Amino acid sequence: MTGAYYGLAAKGRAYAYIGGFDPAFAHESPGTTLIAHAMAQAHEEGARRFEFLRGGEDYKYAWGAQDEPVFRRIWERNA
C-alpha cells in the first residue's frame, strides 16, 4: 500500500494537514488507515484534540469533524 500523511502537533492538538494514497489501493481504505493511525499516535503523544485542516470533505465529517468559525483581520495602511 502506498500512502502519505502530513500532520502537525502543538500545545495538545494534532492537525491533519494533507494526505493521499495510490488510487489503485482505494479498495483497501488506505486513507482511513492513515487517519486512524495519526489519531492513535496523536493521542499517545498527549494530544487532547485532533483537527482537520483545509476544507470540508465528507470523510472528515465521517470522523466527527465539525465546522468552526474562522476569523481574519486585515490591517491596511492609509497613505
C-alpha atoms as a PDB file:
ATOM      1  CA  MET A   1       0.000   0.000   0.000  1.00  0.00           C
ATOM      2  CA  THR A   2       1.317   3.432  -0.900  1.00  0.00           C
ATOM      3  CA  GLY A   3       0.175   6.467   1.062  1.00  0.00           C
ATOM      4  CA  ALA A   4       1.354   9.624   2.747  1.00  0.00           C
ATOM      5  CA  TYR A   5       0.149  11.769   5.624  1.00  0.00           C
ATOM      6  CA  TYR A   6       1.398  15.169   6.735  1.00  0.00           C
ATOM      7  CA  GLY A   7       0.265  16.481  10.096  1.00  0.00           C
ATOM      8  CA  LEU A   8       1.341  18.949  12.736  1.00  0.00           C
ATOM      9  CA  ALA A   9       1.116  18.953  16.511  1.00  0.00           C
ATOM     10  CA  ALA A  10       1.422  21.647  19.160  1.00  0.00           C
ATOM     11  CA  LYS A  11       0.022  22.501  22.579  1.00  0.00           C
ATOM     12  CA  GLY A  12      -2.129  19.401  22.992  1.00  0.00           C
ATOM     13  CA  ARG A  13      -3.595  19.499  19.500  1.00  0.00           C
ATOM     14  CA  ALA A  14      -2.913  17.479  16.383  1.00  0.00           C
ATOM     15  CA  TYR A  15      -3.689  18.894  12.966  1.00  0.00           C
ATOM     16  CA  ALA A  16      -4.278  16.787   9.861  1.00  0.00           C
ATOM     17  CA  TYR A  17      -2.989  18.940   7.018  1.00  0.00           C
ATOM     18  CA  ILE A  18      -2.888  16.723   3.941  1.00  0.00           C
ATOM     19  CA  GLY A  19      -2.686  13.091   2.954  1.00  0.00           C
ATOM     20  CA  GLY A  20      -3.030  10.912  -0.071  1.00  0.00           C
ATOM     21  CA  PHE A  21      -2.695   7.409  -1.436  1.00  0.00           C
ATOM     22  CA  ASP A  22      -2.339   5.453  -4.642  1.00  0.00           C
ATOM     23  CA  PRO A  23      -5.872   5.145  -6.077  1.00  0.00           C
ATOM     24  CA  ALA A  24      -5.081   1.581  -7.147  1.00  0.00           C
ATOM     25  CA  PHE A  25      -5.351   0.665  -3.448  1.00  0.00           C
ATOM     26  CA  ALA A  26      -8.588   2.545  -2.716  1.00  0.00           C
ATOM     27  CA  HIS A  27     -10.397  -0.765  -2.093  1.00  0.00           C
ATOM     28  CA  GLU A  28      -8.137  -1.250   0.965  1.00  0.00           C
ATOM     29  CA  SER A  29      -9.142   2.119   2.504  1.00  0.00           C
ATOM     30  CA  PRO A  30      -5.605   3.469   2.968  1.00  0.00           C
ATOM     31  CA  GLY A  31      -6.926   6.946   3.805  1.00  0.00           C
ATOM     32  CA  THR A  32      -8.923   5.549   6.708  1.00  0.00           C
ATOM     33  CA  THR A  33      -5.893   3.581   7.881  1.00  0.00           C
ATOM     34  CA  LEU A  34      -3.646   6.658   7.735  1.00  0.00           C
ATOM     35  CA  ILE A  35      -6.094   8.854   9.670  1.00  0.00           C
ATOM     36  CA  ALA A  36      -6.749   6.167  12.282  1.00  0.00           C
ATOM     37  CA  HIS A  37      -3.021   5.732  12.837  1.00  0.00           C
ATOM     38  CA  ALA A  38      -2.481   9.507  13.014  1.00  0.00           C
ATOM     39  CA  MET A  39      -5.248   9.852  15.604  1.00  0.00           C
ATOM     40  CA  ALA A  40      -3.901   6.983  17.706  1.00  0.00           C
ATOM     41  CA  GLN A  41      -0.372   8.379  17.561  1.00  0.00           C
ATOM     42  CA  ALA A  42      -1.557  11.876  18.450  1.00  0.00           C
ATOM     43  CA  HIS A  43      -3.453  10.505  21.451  1.00  0.00           C
ATOM     44  CA  GLU A  44      -0.422   8.506  22.543  1.00  0.00           C
ATOM     45  CA  GLU A  45       1.688  11.666  22.369  1.00  0.00           C
ATOM     46  CA  GLY A  46      -0.776  13.581  24.549  1.00  0.00           C
ATOM     47  CA  ALA A  47      -2.965  15.408  22.055  1.00  0.00           C
ATOM     48  CA  ARG A  48      -6.354  16.223  23.515  1.00  0.00           C
ATOM     49  CA  ARG A  49      -7.813  17.355  20.220  1.00  0.00           C
ATOM     50  CA  PHE A  50      -7.467  16.275  16.579  1.00  0.00           C
ATOM     51  CA  GLU A  51      -8.368  18.808  13.925  1.00  0.00           C
ATOM     52  CA  PHE A  52      -8.723  18.503  10.183  1.00  0.00           C
ATOM     53  CA  LEU A  53      -7.454  21.405   8.122  1.00  0.00           C
ATOM     54  CA  ARG A  54      -8.070  22.530   4.542  1.00  0.00           C
ATOM     55  CA  GLY A  55     -11.700  22.136   3.533  1.00  0.00           C
ATOM     56  CA  GLY A  56     -14.909  20.328   4.294  1.00  0.00           C
ATOM     57  CA  GLU A  57     -14.577  16.944   2.604  1.00  0.00           C
ATOM     58  CA  ASP A  58     -17.149  14.303   3.533  1.00  0.00           C
ATOM     59  CA  TYR A  59     -14.611  11.878   5.009  1.00  0.00           C
ATOM     60  CA  LYS A  60     -13.721  14.451   7.687  1.00  0.00           C
ATOM     61  CA  TYR A  61     -17.325  14.649   8.861  1.00  0.00           C
ATOM     62  CA  ALA A  62     -17.444  10.843   8.949  1.00  0.00           C
ATOM     63  CA  TRP A  63     -14.711  11.086  11.611  1.00  0.00           C
ATOM     64  CA  GLY A  64     -16.849  13.539  13.599  1.00  0.00           C
ATOM     65  CA  ALA A  65     -15.357  16.807  12.386  1.00  0.00           C
ATOM     66  CA  GLN A  66     -17.425  19.920  12.998  1.00  0.00           C
ATOM     67  CA  ASP A  67     -17.155  23.277  11.301  1.00  0.00           C
ATOM     68  CA  GLU A  68     -15.816  26.098  13.422  1.00  0.00           C
ATOM     69  CA  PRO A  69     -15.815  29.785  12.537  1.00  0.00           C
ATOM     70  CA  VAL A  70     -12.613  31.227  11.178  1.00  0.00           C
ATOM     71  CA  PHE A  71     -11.871  34.886  11.662  1.00  0.00           C
ATOM     72  CA  ARG A  72      -9.464  37.094   9.814  1.00  0.00           C
ATOM     73  CA  ARG A  73      -8.381  40.654  10.402  1.00  0.00           C
ATOM     74  CA  ILE A  74      -6.790  42.722   7.693  1.00  0.00           C
ATOM     75  CA  TRP A  75      -4.779  45.779   8.556  1.00  0.00           C
ATOM     76  CA  GLU A  76      -4.421  48.373   5.851  1.00  0.00           C
ATOM     77  CA  ARG A  77      -2.067  51.272   5.825  1.00  0.00           C
ATOM     78  CA  ASN A  78      -3.634  54.596   4.939  1.00  0.00           C
ATOM     79  CA  ALA A  79      -1.418  56.664   2.692  1.00  0.00           C
END
